[in-house]
Amino acid sequence: MVVRGIRGATTVVEDKADEVLIATRELLLAMQKENNFARQDIASILFTVTKDIRSVFPAEAARAMGWDLVPLLCFQEIEVPGALPLCIRVMLHVNTDKSQEEITHIYLKKAQALRQDLIHKK
């Protein structure tokens, strides 16, 4: 087994704690479903948010899902002119036998515009 990174991103309409947590949970569940891993396979998760998200740490969504033993860390994205606002990004590190080509990266809502080269690659 090796550690692979799974990328993901989503957006929210506004910075409200419940909306951020629901969107993050939806993203994490989609990442898990599409890549078929168990909680025990997760090595760590890094979350970033744009500067306009300040209501809650997205890692709280993972903890609420029972992923409370997984090392989680939240960061603020660098400010780049014209960047997608209200965006939550995830880098999930998972122990897997899959090759990099077999990993499915997940982009939801307006975040689909970020990496169209990674969407629907199978």
PDB file of N, CA and C in Angstrom:
ATOM      1  N   MET A   1       0.831  -1.185   0.000  1.00  0.00           N
ATOM      2  CA  MET A   1       0.000   0.000   0.000  1.00  0.00           C
ATOM      3  C   MET A   1       0.875   1.248   0.000  1.00  0.00           C
ATOM      4  N   VAL A   2       0.363   2.267  -0.652  1.00  0.00           N
ATOM      5  CA  VAL A   2       1.037   3.565  -0.680  1.00  0.00           C
ATOM      6  C   VAL A   2       0.050   4.644  -0.245  1.00  0.00           C
ATOM      7  N   VAL A   3       0.574   5.820   0.059  1.00  0.00           N
ATOM      8  CA  VAL A   3      -0.279   6.955   0.390  1.00  0.00           C
ATOM      9  C   VAL A   3      -0.523   7.747  -0.888  1.00  0.00           C
ATOM     10  N   ARG A   4      -1.781   8.001  -1.198  1.00  0.00           N
ATOM     11  CA  ARG A   4      -2.162   8.787  -2.366  1.00  0.00           C
ATOM     12  C   ARG A   4      -2.954  10.005  -1.902  1.00  0.00           C
ATOM     13  N   GLY A   5      -2.823  11.084  -2.633  1.00  0.00           N
ATOM     14  CA  GLY A   5      -3.609  12.280  -2.365  1.00  0.00           C
ATOM     15  C   GLY A   5      -4.852  12.298  -3.234  1.00  0.00           C
ATOM     16  N   ILE A   6      -5.956  12.637  -2.626  1.00  0.00           N
ATOM     17  CA  ILE A   6      -7.216  12.799  -3.353  1.00  0.00           C
ATOM     18  C   ILE A   6      -7.629  14.248  -3.191  1.00  0.00           C
ATOM     19  N   ARG A   7      -7.788  14.933  -4.310  1.00  0.00           N
ATOM     20  CA  ARG A   7      -8.170  16.339  -4.284  1.00  0.00           C
ATOM     21  C   ARG A   7      -9.674  16.485  -4.379  1.00  0.00           C
ATOM     22  N   GLY A   8     -10.151  17.549  -3.745  1.00  0.00           N
ATOM     23  CA  GLY A   8     -11.564  17.840  -3.819  1.00  0.00           C
ATOM     24  C   GLY A   8     -11.827  19.296  -3.502  1.00  0.00           C
ATOM     25  N   ALA A   9     -12.939  19.802  -3.984  1.00  0.00           N
ATOM     26  CA  ALA A   9     -13.327  21.186  -3.690  1.00  0.00           C
ATOM     27  C   ALA A   9     -14.824  21.336  -3.888  1.00  0.00           C
ATOM     28  N   THR A  10     -15.365  22.315  -3.175  1.00  0.00           N
ATOM     29  CA  THR A  10     -16.775  22.650  -3.295  1.00  0.00           C
ATOM     30  C   THR A  10     -16.931  24.123  -2.939  1.00  0.00           C
ATOM     31  N   THR A  11     -18.124  24.625  -3.107  1.00  0.00           N
ATOM     32  CA  THR A  11     -18.399  26.014  -2.757  1.00  0.00           C
ATOM     33  C   THR A  11     -19.666  26.097  -1.917  1.00  0.00           C
ATOM     34  N   VAL A  12     -19.819  27.243  -1.271  1.00  0.00           N
ATOM     35  CA  VAL A  12     -21.040  27.545  -0.535  1.00  0.00           C
ATOM     36  C   VAL A  12     -21.597  28.860  -1.071  1.00  0.00           C
ATOM     37  N   VAL A  13     -22.877  29.084  -0.868  1.00  0.00           N
ATOM     38  CA  VAL A  13     -23.511  30.314  -1.330  1.00  0.00           C
ATOM     39  C   VAL A  13     -23.152  31.464  -0.406  1.00  0.00           C
ATOM     40  N   GLU A  14     -23.133  31.169   0.913  1.00  0.00           N
ATOM     41  CA  GLU A  14     -22.722  32.192   1.865  1.00  0.00           C
ATOM     42  C   GLU A  14     -22.041  31.528   3.052  1.00  0.00           C
ATOM     43  N   ASP A  15     -21.301  32.330   3.799  1.00  0.00           N
ATOM     44  CA  ASP A  15     -20.536  31.829   4.930  1.00  0.00           C
ATOM     45  C   ASP A  15     -21.421  31.672   6.161  1.00  0.00           C
ATOM     46  N   LYS A  16     -22.080  30.548   6.224  1.00  0.00           N
ATOM     47  CA  LYS A  16     -22.873  30.176   7.395  1.00  0.00           C
ATOM     48  C   LYS A  16     -22.356  28.817   7.851  1.00  0.00           C
ATOM     49  N   ALA A  17     -22.169  28.651   9.148  1.00  0.00           N
ATOM     50  CA  ALA A  17     -21.567  27.430   9.675  1.00  0.00           C
ATOM     51  C   ALA A  17     -22.270  26.167   9.175  1.00  0.00           C
ATOM     52  N   ASP A  18     -23.592  26.140   9.222  1.00  0.00           N
ATOM     53  CA  ASP A  18     -24.299  24.936   8.789  1.00  0.00           C
ATOM     54  C   ASP A  18     -24.085  24.660   7.309  1.00  0.00           C
ATOM     55  N   GLU A  19     -24.038  25.707   6.504  1.00  0.00           N
ATOM     56  CA  GLU A  19     -23.817  25.518   5.064  1.00  0.00           C
ATOM     57  C   GLU A  19     -22.406  24.994   4.784  1.00  0.00           C
ATOM     58  N   VAL A  20     -21.422  25.521   5.471  1.00  0.00           N
ATOM     59  CA  VAL A  20     -20.028  25.068   5.306  1.00  0.00           C
ATOM     60  C   VAL A  20     -19.894  23.607   5.727  1.00  0.00           C
ATOM     61  N   LEU A  21     -20.497  23.243   6.845  1.00  0.00           N
ATOM     62  CA  LEU A  21     -20.396  21.863   7.327  1.00  0.00           C
ATOM     63  C   LEU A  21     -21.130  20.885   6.418  1.00  0.00           C
ATOM     64  N   ILE A  22     -22.296  21.263   5.929  1.00  0.00           N
ATOM     65  CA  ILE A  22     -23.046  20.394   5.015  1.00  0.00           C
ATOM     66  C   ILE A  22     -22.273  20.203   3.706  1.00  0.00           C
ATOM     67  N   ALA A  23     -21.741  21.279   3.150  1.00  0.00           N
ATOM     68  CA  ALA A  23     -20.982  21.188   1.896  1.00  0.00           C
ATOM     69  C   ALA A  23     -19.720  20.355   2.070  1.00  0.00           C
ATOM     70  N   THR A  24     -19.039  20.518   3.196  1.00  0.00           N
ATOM     71  CA  THR A  24     -17.821  19.745   3.452  1.00  0.00           C
ATOM     72  C   THR A  24     -18.144  18.271   3.603  1.00  0.00           C
ATOM     73  N   ARG A  25     -19.192  17.963   4.335  1.00  0.00           N
ATOM     74  CA  ARG A  25     -19.599  16.562   4.507  1.00  0.00           C
ATOM     75  C   ARG A  25     -19.954  15.937   3.151  1.00  0.00           C
ATOM     76  N   GLU A  26     -20.714  16.654   2.346  1.00  0.00           N
ATOM     77  CA  GLU A  26     -21.082  16.165   1.018  1.00  0.00           C
ATOM     78  C   GLU A  26     -19.832  15.855   0.194  1.00  0.00           C
ATOM     79  N   LEU A  27     -18.856  16.737   0.250  1.00  0.00           N
ATOM     80  CA  LEU A  27     -17.614  16.542  -0.495  1.00  0.00           C
ATOM     81  C   LEU A  27     -16.850  15.329   0.021  1.00  0.00           C
ATOM     82  N   LEU A  28     -16.676  15.223   1.325  1.00  0.00           N
ATOM     83  CA  LEU A  28     -15.940  14.094   1.896  1.00  0.00           C
ATOM     84  C   LEU A  28     -16.617  12.763   1.584  1.00  0.00           C
ATOM     85  N   LEU A  29     -17.933  12.711   1.674  1.00  0.00           N
ATOM     86  CA  LEU A  29     -18.661  11.475   1.359  1.00  0.00           C
ATOM     87  C   LEU A  29     -18.510  11.105  -0.114  1.00  0.00           C
ATOM     88  N   ALA A  30     -18.540  12.094  -1.003  1.00  0.00           N
ATOM     89  CA  ALA A  30     -18.350  11.821  -2.435  1.00  0.00           C
ATOM     90  C   ALA A  30     -16.932  11.319  -2.698  1.00  0.00           C
ATOM     91  N   MET A  31     -15.944  11.908  -2.030  1.00  0.00           N
ATOM     92  CA  MET A  31     -14.557  11.467  -2.188  1.00  0.00           C
ATOM     93  C   MET A  31     -14.401  10.018  -1.722  1.00  0.00           C
ATOM     94  N   GLN A  32     -15.051   9.691  -0.599  1.00  0.00           N
ATOM     95  CA  GLN A  32     -14.979   8.337  -0.068  1.00  0.00           C
ATOM     96  C   GLN A  32     -15.681   7.339  -0.988  1.00  0.00           C
ATOM     97  N   LYS A  33     -16.866   7.704  -1.451  1.00  0.00           N
ATOM     98  CA  LYS A  33     -17.633   6.800  -2.320  1.00  0.00           C
ATOM     99  C   LYS A  33     -16.893   6.521  -3.627  1.00  0.00           C
ATOM    100  N   GLU A  34     -16.412   7.563  -4.270  1.00  0.00           N
ATOM    101  CA  GLU A  34     -15.768   7.402  -5.581  1.00  0.00           C
ATOM    102  C   GLU A  34     -14.413   6.708  -5.505  1.00  0.00           C
ATOM    103  N   ASN A  35     -13.763   6.755  -4.341  1.00  0.00           N
ATOM    104  CA  ASN A  35     -12.438   6.154  -4.208  1.00  0.00           C
ATOM    105  C   ASN A  35     -12.422   4.925  -3.315  1.00  0.00           C
ATOM    106  N   ASN A  36     -13.595   4.568  -2.770  1.00  0.00           N
ATOM    107  CA  ASN A  36     -13.785   3.324  -2.044  1.00  0.00           C
ATOM    108  C   ASN A  36     -12.718   3.081  -0.965  1.00  0.00           C
ATOM    109  N   PHE A  37     -12.654   3.984  -0.005  1.00  0.00           N
ATOM    110  CA  PHE A  37     -11.732   3.781   1.116  1.00  0.00           C
ATOM    111  C   PHE A  37     -12.517   3.798   2.428  1.00  0.00           C
ATOM    112  N   ALA A  38     -11.936   3.185   3.443  1.00  0.00           N
ATOM    113  CA  ALA A  38     -12.524   3.171   4.780  1.00  0.00           C
ATOM    114  C   ALA A  38     -11.881   4.260   5.628  1.00  0.00           C
ATOM    115  N   ARG A  39     -12.553   4.638   6.679  1.00  0.00           N
ATOM    116  CA  ARG A  39     -12.014   5.653   7.592  1.00  0.00           C
ATOM    117  C   ARG A  39     -10.604   5.273   8.052  1.00  0.00           C
ATOM    118  N   GLN A  40     -10.379   3.995   8.318  1.00  0.00           N
ATOM    119  CA  GLN A  40      -9.083   3.532   8.795  1.00  0.00           C
ATOM    120  C   GLN A  40      -7.966   3.706   7.766  1.00  0.00           C
ATOM    121  N   ASP A  41      -8.332   3.898   6.490  1.00  0.00           N
ATOM    122  CA  ASP A  41      -7.342   4.082   5.422  1.00  0.00           C
ATOM    123  C   ASP A  41      -6.840   5.518   5.331  1.00  0.00           C
ATOM    124  N   ILE A  42      -7.522   6.459   5.991  1.00  0.00           N
ATOM    125  CA  ILE A  42      -7.163   7.874   5.871  1.00  0.00           C
ATOM    126  C   ILE A  42      -5.938   8.167   6.721  1.00  0.00           C
ATOM    127  N   ALA A  43      -4.908   8.732   6.093  1.00  0.00           N
ATOM    128  CA  ALA A  43      -3.684   9.116   6.812  1.00  0.00           C
ATOM    129  C   ALA A  43      -3.839  10.507   7.421  1.00  0.00           C
ATOM    130  N   SER A  44      -4.384  11.454   6.658  1.00  0.00           N
ATOM    131  CA  SER A  44      -4.597  12.816   7.140  1.00  0.00           C
ATOM    132  C   SER A  44      -5.429  13.574   6.116  1.00  0.00           C
ATOM    133  N   ILE A  45      -5.967  14.720   6.558  1.00  0.00           N
ATOM    134  CA  ILE A  45      -6.738  15.571   5.653  1.00  0.00           C
ATOM    135  C   ILE A  45      -6.349  17.021   5.900  1.00  0.00           C
ATOM    136  N   LEU A  46      -6.081  17.740   4.806  1.00  0.00           N
ATOM    137  CA  LEU A  46      -5.817  19.168   4.847  1.00  0.00           C
ATOM    138  C   LEU A  46      -7.005  19.886   4.214  1.00  0.00           C
ATOM    139  N   PHE A  47      -7.499  20.902   4.881  1.00  0.00           N
ATOM    140  CA  PHE A  47      -8.604  21.712   4.385  1.00  0.00           C
ATOM    141  C   PHE A  47      -8.108  23.136   4.175  1.00  0.00           C
ATOM    142  N   THR A  48      -8.529  23.758   3.077  1.00  0.00           N
ATOM    143  CA  THR A  48      -8.300  25.187   2.918  1.00  0.00           C
ATOM    144  C   THR A  48      -9.636  25.851   2.609  1.00  0.00           C
ATOM    145  N   VAL A  49      -9.725  27.111   3.003  1.00  0.00           N
ATOM    146  CA  VAL A  49     -10.909  27.908   2.689  1.00  0.00           C
ATOM    147  C   VAL A  49     -10.449  29.263   2.179  1.00  0.00           C
ATOM    148  N   THR A  50     -11.257  29.875   1.355  1.00  0.00           N
ATOM    149  CA  THR A  50     -10.966  31.229   0.911  1.00  0.00           C
ATOM    150  C   THR A  50     -11.233  32.190   2.072  1.00  0.00           C
ATOM    151  N   LYS A  51     -10.704  33.402   1.963  1.00  0.00           N
ATOM    152  CA  LYS A  51     -10.758  34.350   3.085  1.00  0.00           C
ATOM    153  C   LYS A  51     -12.177  34.737   3.487  1.00  0.00           C
ATOM    154  N   ASP A  52     -13.147  34.487   2.623  1.00  0.00           N
ATOM    155  CA  ASP A  52     -14.525  34.852   2.931  1.00  0.00           C
ATOM    156  C   ASP A  52     -15.284  33.777   3.712  1.00  0.00           C
ATOM    157  N   ILE A  53     -14.603  32.697   4.074  1.00  0.00           N
ATOM    158  CA  ILE A  53     -15.196  31.666   4.934  1.00  0.00           C
ATOM    159  C   ILE A  53     -14.499  31.735   6.289  1.00  0.00           C
ATOM    160  N   ARG A  54     -15.278  32.140   7.298  1.00  0.00           N
ATOM    161  CA  ARG A  54     -14.723  32.317   8.638  1.00  0.00           C
ATOM    162  C   ARG A  54     -15.654  31.807   9.734  1.00  0.00           C
ATOM    163  N   SER A  55     -16.784  31.234   9.361  1.00  0.00           N
ATOM    164  CA  SER A  55     -17.800  30.866  10.355  1.00  0.00           C
ATOM    165  C   SER A  55     -17.472  29.591  11.123  1.00  0.00           C
ATOM    166  N   VAL A  56     -16.706  28.690  10.522  1.00  0.00           N
ATOM    167  CA  VAL A  56     -16.456  27.384  11.133  1.00  0.00           C
ATOM    168  C   VAL A  56     -15.263  26.725  10.435  1.00  0.00           C
ATOM    169  N   PHE A  57     -14.565  25.862  11.160  1.00  0.00           N
ATOM    170  CA  PHE A  57     -13.513  25.057  10.551  1.00  0.00           C
ATOM    171  C   PHE A  57     -14.170  23.899   9.793  1.00  0.00           C
ATOM    172  N   PRO A  58     -13.850  23.706   8.516  1.00  0.00           N
ATOM    173  CA  PRO A  58     -14.460  22.588   7.784  1.00  0.00           C
ATOM    174  C   PRO A  58     -14.085  21.225   8.373  1.00  0.00           C
ATOM    175  N   ALA A  59     -12.989  21.148   9.103  1.00  0.00           N
ATOM    176  CA  ALA A  59     -12.596  19.885   9.740  1.00  0.00           C
ATOM    177  C   ALA A  59     -13.663  19.390  10.721  1.00  0.00           C
ATOM    178  N   GLU A  60     -14.475  20.293  11.223  1.00  0.00           N
ATOM    179  CA  GLU A  60     -15.549  19.879  12.133  1.00  0.00           C
ATOM    180  C   GLU A  60     -16.508  18.904  11.455  1.00  0.00           C
ATOM    181  N   ALA A  61     -16.679  19.036  10.153  1.00  0.00           N
ATOM    182  CA  ALA A  61     -17.554  18.108   9.422  1.00  0.00           C
ATOM    183  C   ALA A  61     -16.984  16.694   9.463  1.00  0.00           C
ATOM    184  N   ALA A  62     -15.671  16.570   9.281  1.00  0.00           N
ATOM    185  CA  ALA A  62     -15.030  15.249   9.332  1.00  0.00           C
ATOM    186  C   ALA A  62     -15.142  14.649  10.733  1.00  0.00           C
ATOM    187  N   ARG A  63     -14.953  15.468  11.746  1.00  0.00           N
ATOM    188  CA  ARG A  63     -15.073  14.969  13.121  1.00  0.00           C
ATOM    189  C   ARG A  63     -16.495  14.480  13.396  1.00  0.00           C
ATOM    190  N   ALA A  64     -17.482  15.204  12.901  1.00  0.00           N
ATOM    191  CA  ALA A  64     -18.883  14.818  13.093  1.00  0.00           C
ATOM    192  C   ALA A  64     -19.217  13.515  12.362  1.00  0.00           C
ATOM    193  N   MET A  65     -18.432  13.185  11.339  1.00  0.00           N
ATOM    194  CA  MET A  65     -18.630  11.943  10.586  1.00  0.00           C
ATOM    195  C   MET A  65     -17.969  10.752  11.281  1.00  0.00           C
ATOM    196  N   GLY A  66     -17.318  10.994  12.423  1.00  0.00           N
ATOM    197  CA  GLY A  66     -16.628   9.919  13.130  1.00  0.00           C
ATOM    198  C   GLY A  66     -15.174   9.785  12.745  1.00  0.00           C
ATOM    199  N   TRP A  67     -14.668  10.741  11.985  1.00  0.00           N
ATOM    200  CA  TRP A  67     -13.268  10.715  11.564  1.00  0.00           C
ATOM    201  C   TRP A  67     -12.410  11.469  12.582  1.00  0.00           C
ATOM    202  N   ASP A  68     -12.744  11.339  13.860  1.00  0.00           N
ATOM    203  CA  ASP A  68     -12.114  12.125  14.911  1.00  0.00           C
ATOM    204  C   ASP A  68     -10.690  11.694  15.248  1.00  0.00           C
ATOM    205  N   LEU A  69     -10.244  10.519  14.840  1.00  0.00           N
ATOM    206  CA  LEU A  69      -8.862  10.094  15.071  1.00  0.00           C
ATOM    207  C   LEU A  69      -7.946  10.432  13.894  1.00  0.00           C
ATOM    208  N   VAL A  70      -8.519  10.905  12.810  1.00  0.00           N
ATOM    209  CA  VAL A  70      -7.744  11.301  11.630  1.00  0.00           C
ATOM    210  C   VAL A  70      -7.111  12.663  11.894  1.00  0.00           C
ATOM    211  N   PRO A  71      -5.811  12.834  11.633  1.00  0.00           N
ATOM    212  CA  PRO A  71      -5.204  14.159  11.769  1.00  0.00           C
ATOM    213  C   PRO A  71      -5.812  15.124  10.737  1.00  0.00           C
ATOM    214  N   LEU A  72      -6.348  16.244  11.223  1.00  0.00           N
ATOM    215  CA  LEU A  72      -7.020  17.228  10.387  1.00  0.00           C
ATOM    216  C   LEU A  72      -6.395  18.592  10.625  1.00  0.00           C
ATOM    217  N   LEU A  73      -6.266  19.387   9.563  1.00  0.00           N
ATOM    218  CA  LEU A  73      -5.705  20.721   9.701  1.00  0.00           C
ATOM    219  C   LEU A  73      -6.346  21.657   8.689  1.00  0.00           C
ATOM    220  N   CYS A  74      -6.690  22.865   9.141  1.00  0.00           N
ATOM    221  CA  CYS A  74      -7.330  23.861   8.280  1.00  0.00           C
ATOM    222  C   CYS A  74      -6.391  25.033   8.026  1.00  0.00           C
ATOM    223  N   PHE A  75      -6.454  25.580   6.809  1.00  0.00           N
ATOM    224  CA  PHE A  75      -5.637  26.708   6.387  1.00  0.00           C
ATOM    225  C   PHE A  75      -6.504  27.692   5.618  1.00  0.00           C
ATOM    226  N   GLN A  76      -5.988  28.904   5.457  1.00  0.00           N
ATOM    227  CA  GLN A  76      -6.628  29.872   4.568  1.00  0.00           C
ATOM    228  C   GLN A  76      -5.877  29.860   3.250  1.00  0.00           C
ATOM    229  N   GLU A  77      -6.617  29.841   2.143  1.00  0.00           N
ATOM    230  CA  GLU A  77      -6.023  29.911   0.801  1.00  0.00           C
ATOM    231  C   GLU A  77      -5.317  31.252   0.619  1.00  0.00           C
ATOM    232  N   ILE A  78      -4.294  31.267  -0.210  1.00  0.00           N
ATOM    233  CA  ILE A  78      -3.671  32.540  -0.548  1.00  0.00           C
ATOM    234  C   ILE A  78      -4.649  33.357  -1.380  1.00  0.00           C
ATOM    235  N   GLU A  79      -4.564  34.657  -1.243  1.00  0.00           N
ATOM    236  CA  GLU A  79      -5.470  35.537  -1.980  1.00  0.00           C
ATOM    237  C   GLU A  79      -4.910  35.798  -3.374  1.00  0.00           C
ATOM    238  N   VAL A  80      -5.598  35.307  -4.369  1.00  0.00           N
ATOM    239  CA  VAL A  80      -5.205  35.492  -5.758  1.00  0.00           C
ATOM    240  C   VAL A  80      -6.328  36.268  -6.441  1.00  0.00           C
ATOM    241  N   PRO A  81      -6.007  37.358  -7.122  1.00  0.00           N
ATOM    242  CA  PRO A  81      -7.053  38.121  -7.804  1.00  0.00           C
ATOM    243  C   PRO A  81      -7.856  37.237  -8.762  1.00  0.00           C
ATOM    244  N   GLY A  82      -9.173  37.342  -8.670  1.00  0.00           N
ATOM    245  CA  GLY A  82     -10.047  36.583  -9.560  1.00  0.00           C
ATOM    246  C   GLY A  82     -10.299  35.148  -9.131  1.00  0.00           C
ATOM    247  N   ALA A  83      -9.766  34.749  -7.970  1.00  0.00           N
ATOM    248  CA  ALA A  83      -9.960  33.368  -7.515  1.00  0.00           C
ATOM    249  C   ALA A  83     -11.427  33.117  -7.165  1.00  0.00           C
ATOM    250  N   LEU A  84     -11.824  31.877  -7.245  1.00  0.00           N
ATOM    251  CA  LEU A  84     -13.185  31.460  -6.932  1.00  0.00           C
ATOM    252  C   LEU A  84     -13.498  31.755  -5.463  1.00  0.00           C
ATOM    253  N   PRO A  85     -14.537  32.533  -5.177  1.00  0.00           N
ATOM    254  CA  PRO A  85     -14.873  32.853  -3.778  1.00  0.00           C
ATOM    255  C   PRO A  85     -15.655  31.732  -3.097  1.00  0.00           C
ATOM    256  N   LEU A  86     -15.725  31.824  -1.776  1.00  0.00           N
ATOM    257  CA  LEU A  86     -16.517  30.909  -0.953  1.00  0.00           C
ATOM    258  C   LEU A  86     -16.221  29.447  -1.278  1.00  0.00           C
ATOM    259  N   CYS A  87     -14.948  29.131  -1.346  1.00  0.00           N
ATOM    260  CA  CYS A  87     -14.500  27.807  -1.781  1.00  0.00           C
ATOM    261  C   CYS A  87     -13.799  27.051  -0.649  1.00  0.00           C
ATOM    262  N   ILE A  88     -14.143  25.788  -0.537  1.00  0.00           N
ATOM    263  CA  ILE A  88     -13.526  24.863   0.412  1.00  0.00           C
ATOM    264  C   ILE A  88     -12.759  23.832  -0.412  1.00  0.00           C
ATOM    265  N   ARG A  89     -11.485  23.689  -0.126  1.00  0.00           N
ATOM    266  CA  ARG A  89     -10.661  22.703  -0.823  1.00  0.00           C
ATOM    267  C   ARG A  89     -10.181  21.650   0.171  1.00  0.00           C
ATOM    268  N   VAL A  90     -10.003  20.424  -0.323  1.00  0.00           N
ATOM    269  CA  VAL A  90      -9.571  19.312   0.522  1.00  0.00           C
ATOM    270  C   VAL A  90      -8.449  18.558  -0.177  1.00  0.00           C
ATOM    271  N   MET A  91      -7.427  18.207   0.607  1.00  0.00           N
ATOM    272  CA  MET A  91      -6.401  17.261   0.162  1.00  0.00           C
ATOM    273  C   MET A  91      -6.434  16.124   1.169  1.00  0.00           C
ATOM    274  N   LEU A  92      -6.975  15.006   0.741  1.00  0.00           N
ATOM    275  CA  LEU A  92      -7.153  13.844   1.596  1.00  0.00           C
ATOM    276  C   LEU A  92      -6.059  12.834   1.255  1.00  0.00           C
ATOM    277  N   HIS A  93      -5.298  12.415   2.238  1.00  0.00           N
ATOM    278  CA  HIS A  93      -4.228  11.430   2.049  1.00  0.00           C
ATOM    279  C   HIS A  93      -4.744  10.072   2.520  1.00  0.00           C
ATOM    280  N   VAL A  94      -4.704   9.091   1.632  1.00  0.00           N
ATOM    281  CA  VAL A  94      -5.284   7.786   1.941  1.00  0.00           C
ATOM    282  C   VAL A  94      -4.298   6.670   1.593  1.00  0.00           C
ATOM    283  N   ASN A  95      -4.269   5.650   2.438  1.00  0.00           N
ATOM    284  CA  ASN A  95      -3.477   4.445   2.161  1.00  0.00           C
ATOM    285  C   ASN A  95      -4.293   3.576   1.223  1.00  0.00           C
ATOM    286  N   THR A  96      -3.694   3.231   0.088  1.00  0.00           N
ATOM    287  CA  THR A  96      -4.453   2.514  -0.939  1.00  0.00           C
ATOM    288  C   THR A  96      -3.528   1.693  -1.835  1.00  0.00           C
ATOM    289  N   ASP A  97      -4.110   0.724  -2.500  1.00  0.00           N
ATOM    290  CA  ASP A  97      -3.396  -0.035  -3.526  1.00  0.00           C
ATOM    291  C   ASP A  97      -3.653   0.542  -4.914  1.00  0.00           C
ATOM    292  N   LYS A  98      -4.484   1.575  -4.997  1.00  0.00           N
ATOM    293  CA  LYS A  98      -4.806   2.183  -6.292  1.00  0.00           C
ATOM    294  C   LYS A  98      -3.611   2.958  -6.842  1.00  0.00           C
ATOM    295  N   SER A  99      -3.512   2.993  -8.165  1.00  0.00           N
ATOM    296  CA  SER A  99      -2.511   3.833  -8.825  1.00  0.00           C
ATOM    297  C   SER A  99      -3.029   5.263  -8.865  1.00  0.00           C
ATOM    298  N   GLN A 100      -2.162   6.203  -9.160  1.00  0.00           N
ATOM    299  CA  GLN A 100      -2.605   7.592  -9.267  1.00  0.00           C
ATOM    300  C   GLN A 100      -3.674   7.743 -10.340  1.00  0.00           C
ATOM    301  N   GLU A 101      -3.569   6.973 -11.402  1.00  0.00           N
ATOM    302  CA  GLU A 101      -4.552   7.047 -12.484  1.00  0.00           C
ATOM    303  C   GLU A 101      -5.925   6.548 -12.057  1.00  0.00           C
ATOM    304  N   GLU A 102      -5.978   5.729 -11.026  1.00  0.00           N
ATOM    305  CA  GLU A 102      -7.250   5.184 -10.551  1.00  0.00           C
ATOM    306  C   GLU A 102      -7.943   6.083  -9.522  1.00  0.00           C
ATOM    307  N   ILE A 103      -7.255   7.092  -9.044  1.00  0.00           N
ATOM    308  CA  ILE A 103      -7.823   8.009  -8.065  1.00  0.00           C
ATOM    309  C   ILE A 103      -8.808   8.943  -8.761  1.00  0.00           C
ATOM    310  N   THR A 104      -9.960   9.151  -8.139  1.00  0.00           N
ATOM    311  CA  THR A 104     -10.968  10.069  -8.671  1.00  0.00           C
ATOM    312  C   THR A 104     -11.017  11.307  -7.789  1.00  0.00           C
ATOM    313  N   HIS A 105     -10.694  12.440  -8.366  1.00  0.00           N
ATOM    314  CA  HIS A 105     -10.737  13.718  -7.669  1.00  0.00           C
ATOM    315  C   HIS A 105     -12.147  14.288  -7.828  1.00  0.00           C
ATOM    316  N   ILE A 106     -12.645  14.948  -6.786  1.00  0.00           N
ATOM    317  CA  ILE A 106     -14.043  15.367  -6.749  1.00  0.00           C
ATOM    318  C   ILE A 106     -14.161  16.884  -6.661  1.00  0.00           C
ATOM    319  N   TYR A 107     -14.879  17.461  -7.595  1.00  0.00           N
ATOM    320  CA  TYR A 107     -15.138  18.909  -7.613  1.00  0.00           C
ATOM    321  C   TYR A 107     -16.642  19.110  -7.743  1.00  0.00           C
ATOM    322  N   LEU A 108     -17.225  19.761  -6.751  1.00  0.00           N
ATOM    323  CA  LEU A 108     -18.672  19.954  -6.705  1.00  0.00           C
ATOM    324  C   LEU A 108     -19.042  21.428  -6.862  1.00  0.00           C
ATOM    325  N   LYS A 109     -20.273  21.649  -7.250  1.00  0.00           N
ATOM    326  CA  LYS A 109     -20.849  22.996  -7.365  1.00  0.00           C
ATOM    327  C   LYS A 109     -19.962  23.877  -8.250  1.00  0.00           C
ATOM    328  N   LYS A 110     -19.746  25.129  -7.861  1.00  0.00           N
ATOM    329  CA  LYS A 110     -18.953  26.046  -8.685  1.00  0.00           C
ATOM    330  C   LYS A 110     -17.476  25.658  -8.750  1.00  0.00           C
ATOM    331  N   ALA A 111     -17.034  24.803  -7.854  1.00  0.00           N
ATOM    332  CA  ALA A 111     -15.638  24.356  -7.860  1.00  0.00           C
ATOM    333  C   ALA A 111     -15.325  23.470  -9.063  1.00  0.00           C
ATOM    334  N   GLN A 112     -16.322  23.020  -9.785  1.00  0.00           N
ATOM    335  CA  GLN A 112     -16.075  22.219 -10.986  1.00  0.00           C
ATOM    336  C   GLN A 112     -15.250  22.989 -12.007  1.00  0.00           C
ATOM    337  N   ALA A 113     -15.304  24.312 -11.940  1.00  0.00           N
ATOM    338  CA  ALA A 113     -14.538  25.139 -12.877  1.00  0.00           C
ATOM    339  C   ALA A 113     -13.041  25.135 -12.574  1.00  0.00           C
ATOM    340  N   LEU A 114     -12.653  24.680 -11.389  1.00  0.00           N
ATOM    341  CA  LEU A 114     -11.249  24.750 -10.988  1.00  0.00           C
ATOM    342  C   LEU A 114     -10.345  23.796 -11.761  1.00  0.00           C
ATOM    343  N   ARG A 115     -10.739  22.555 -11.875  1.00  0.00           N
ATOM    344  CA  ARG A 115      -9.879  21.546 -12.497  1.00  0.00           C
ATOM    345  C   ARG A 115     -10.696  20.653 -13.416  1.00  0.00           C
ATOM    346  N   GLN A 116     -11.146  21.200 -14.517  1.00  0.00           N
ATOM    347  CA  GLN A 116     -11.943  20.412 -15.435  1.00  0.00           C
ATOM    348  C   GLN A 116     -11.148  19.262 -16.035  1.00  0.00           C
ATOM    349  N   ASP A 117      -9.831  19.382 -16.003  1.00  0.00           N
ATOM    350  CA  ASP A 117      -8.988  18.288 -16.490  1.00  0.00           C
ATOM    351  C   ASP A 117      -9.053  17.065 -15.587  1.00  0.00           C
ATOM    352  N   LEU A 118      -9.501  17.227 -14.344  1.00  0.00           N
ATOM    353  CA  LEU A 118      -9.582  16.093 -13.429  1.00  0.00           C
ATOM    354  C   LEU A 118     -10.992  15.538 -13.274  1.00  0.00           C
ATOM    355  N   ILE A 119     -11.973  16.226 -13.821  1.00  0.00           N
ATOM    356  CA  ILE A 119     -13.363  15.805 -13.682  1.00  0.00           C
ATOM    357  C   ILE A 119     -13.716  14.829 -14.794  1.00  0.00           C
ATOM    358  N   HIS A 120     -14.400  13.753 -14.414  1.00  0.00           N
ATOM    359  CA  HIS A 120     -14.867  12.737 -15.372  1.00  0.00           C
ATOM    360  C   HIS A 120     -13.725  12.193 -16.222  1.00  0.00           C
ATOM    361  N   LYS A 121     -12.602  11.873 -15.592  1.00  0.00           N
ATOM    362  CA  LYS A 121     -11.453  11.380 -16.360  1.00  0.00           C
ATOM    363  C   LYS A 121     -11.533   9.904 -16.653  1.00  0.00           C
ATOM    364  N   LYS A 122     -12.480   9.209 -16.026  1.00  0.00           N
ATOM    365  CA  LYS A 122     -12.548   7.757 -16.248  1.00  0.00           C
ATOM    366  C   LYS A 122     -13.356   7.423 -17.462  1.00  0.00           C
TER     367      LYS A 122
END
